[in-house]
Amino acid sequence: MKKIFLVFLSVILLTSCNTSTLSISEIEIVPDKVQKVIDDKYTLQKINVVDKHISYIVFRSNGKVTTDLEAQGDTLIVKLDVTNQQDNAITQHVYKLTLDPDIDTMDIHINGKSTTIDNLIGI
């Protein structure tokens, strides 16, 4: 029984070491240090947390936004798709992005098109 438990525990540990840490989620409560550097004049901002594998993406849009991530080697593609666009209803969306240490490059796509980041900050 002990051997079976040890084998089971080893499998779980090895599996958890190989899982990707990539994730993105929209946050409602923005940390103060992030809120202080957000500039409303930019449509797309990326805020990197120094010495951590965390970034925040701030995207101002006039519609509902859905997100997805795609890793291609050492490049991460962040997909932001806007639907139900309104003429004048601009909303700020803040996403917390947890990165895999193997990611060297990030490409943000809005509605399928690679987009330039308006403002890049480290905190």
Protein backbone atom coordinates (compact mmCIF):
# COMPACT_ATOMS: atom_id res chain seq x y z
CA MET A 1 0.00 0.00 0.00
CA LYS A 2 2.86 2.39 0.82
CA LYS A 3 4.49 1.72 -2.56
CA ILE A 4 1.28 2.44 -4.41
CA PHE A 5 0.86 5.67 -2.47
CA LEU A 6 4.45 6.74 -3.22
CA VAL A 7 4.02 5.99 -6.93
CA PHE A 8 0.74 7.92 -6.97
CA LEU A 9 2.34 10.87 -5.16
CA SER A 10 5.30 10.86 -7.56
CA VAL A 11 2.98 10.92 -10.58
CA ILE A 12 1.06 13.86 -9.14
CA LEU A 13 4.25 15.81 -8.42
CA LEU A 14 5.69 15.15 -11.88
CA THR A 15 2.43 16.10 -13.56
CA SER A 16 2.15 19.34 -11.60
CA CYS A 17 5.72 20.29 -12.53
CA ASN A 18 4.92 19.96 -16.23
CA THR A 19 1.70 21.96 -16.27
CA SER A 20 1.81 25.42 -17.75
CA THR A 21 1.30 28.37 -15.44
CA LEU A 22 -0.19 30.48 -18.23
CA SER A 23 -3.48 32.07 -17.30
CA ILE A 24 -5.45 35.24 -17.89
CA SER A 25 -8.40 36.54 -15.92
CA GLU A 26 -10.26 39.82 -15.79
CA ILE A 27 -10.03 41.40 -12.35
CA GLU A 28 -12.59 43.60 -10.68
CA ILE A 29 -10.36 44.93 -7.90
CA VAL A 30 -7.21 46.46 -9.37
CA PRO A 31 -4.21 46.58 -6.99
CA ASP A 32 -3.28 50.14 -5.95
CA LYS A 33 0.22 49.93 -7.46
CA VAL A 34 -1.34 49.01 -10.82
CA GLN A 35 -4.14 51.58 -10.62
CA LYS A 36 -1.59 54.35 -10.00
CA VAL A 37 0.16 53.78 -13.35
CA ILE A 38 -2.90 53.28 -15.57
CA ASP A 39 -3.25 56.15 -18.03
CA ASP A 40 -6.73 56.68 -19.47
CA LYS A 41 -5.40 58.21 -22.69
CA TYR A 42 -4.11 54.82 -23.89
CA THR A 43 -6.22 52.06 -25.42
CA LEU A 44 -3.81 49.19 -24.68
CA GLN A 45 -1.33 49.11 -21.82
CA LYS A 46 0.89 46.38 -20.41
CA ILE A 47 2.16 46.63 -16.85
CA ASN A 48 4.91 44.18 -15.91
CA VAL A 49 5.50 43.27 -12.28
CA VAL A 50 9.29 43.27 -11.87
CA ASP A 51 10.85 39.97 -10.68
CA LYS A 52 7.56 38.07 -11.01
CA HIS A 53 5.92 36.24 -13.86
CA ILE A 54 2.88 38.50 -13.71
CA SER A 55 1.69 41.23 -16.05
CA TYR A 56 -1.46 43.29 -16.22
CA ILE A 57 -3.10 44.16 -19.50
CA VAL A 58 -5.33 47.22 -19.52
CA PHE A 59 -7.62 47.44 -22.53
CA ARG A 60 -10.18 50.16 -23.12
CA SER A 61 -12.92 49.13 -25.53
CA ASN A 62 -16.46 49.92 -26.53
CA GLY A 63 -17.81 46.37 -26.38
CA LYS A 64 -17.75 43.01 -24.65
CA VAL A 65 -14.25 41.47 -24.57
CA THR A 66 -13.40 37.77 -24.56
CA THR A 67 -9.87 36.50 -24.00
CA ASP A 68 -7.77 33.51 -24.92
CA LEU A 69 -4.11 32.55 -24.77
CA GLU A 70 -2.06 30.60 -27.28
CA ALA A 71 1.56 29.58 -26.73
CA GLN A 72 3.71 29.05 -29.83
CA GLY A 73 7.16 28.01 -28.64
CA ASP A 74 8.55 30.89 -26.58
CA THR A 75 5.89 33.34 -27.86
CA LEU A 76 2.59 33.98 -26.14
CA ILE A 77 -0.33 35.26 -28.17
CA VAL A 78 -2.93 37.08 -26.09
CA LYS A 79 -6.23 37.20 -27.97
CA LEU A 80 -8.71 39.96 -27.17
CA ASP A 81 -11.91 39.80 -29.19
CA VAL A 82 -14.43 42.65 -28.99
CA THR A 83 -18.11 42.07 -29.76
CA ASN A 84 -21.32 44.09 -29.30
CA GLN A 85 -19.49 47.35 -29.93
CA GLN A 86 -21.25 50.55 -28.91
CA ASP A 87 -20.44 53.98 -30.32
CA ASN A 88 -19.54 55.85 -27.14
CA ALA A 89 -19.49 53.41 -24.22
CA ILE A 90 -15.75 52.99 -23.50
CA THR A 91 -15.04 50.52 -20.70
CA GLN A 92 -11.71 49.75 -19.05
CA HIS A 93 -10.87 46.04 -18.75
CA VAL A 94 -7.96 44.95 -16.55
CA TYR A 95 -6.57 41.44 -16.94
CA LYS A 96 -4.07 39.68 -14.71
CA LEU A 97 -1.75 37.54 -16.79
CA THR A 98 0.32 34.82 -15.14
CA LEU A 99 3.23 33.89 -17.37
CA ASP A 100 5.28 30.77 -17.90
CA PRO A 101 9.01 31.43 -17.32
CA ASP A 102 9.74 29.99 -20.79
CA ILE A 103 7.83 32.80 -22.54
CA ASP A 104 10.17 35.38 -24.10
CA THR A 105 7.82 37.27 -26.42
CA MET A 106 4.22 38.45 -26.16
CA ASP A 107 1.99 39.38 -29.09
CA ILE A 108 -1.42 40.88 -28.37
CA HIS A 109 -4.11 40.38 -31.00
CA ILE A 110 -7.29 42.43 -31.02
CA ASN A 111 -9.98 40.85 -33.18
CA GLY A 112 -7.33 38.68 -34.86
CA LYS A 113 -4.86 41.47 -35.68
CA SER A 114 -1.48 41.90 -34.01
CA THR A 115 -1.62 45.21 -32.12
CA THR A 116 1.01 47.61 -30.81
CA ILE A 117 0.99 48.26 -27.07
CA ASP A 118 0.42 51.97 -26.47
CA ASN A 119 2.12 52.08 -23.08
CA LEU A 120 4.51 49.59 -21.42
CA ILE A 121 5.42 50.05 -17.74
CA GLY A 122 7.31 48.08 -15.10
CA ILE A 123 6.32 48.24 -11.44
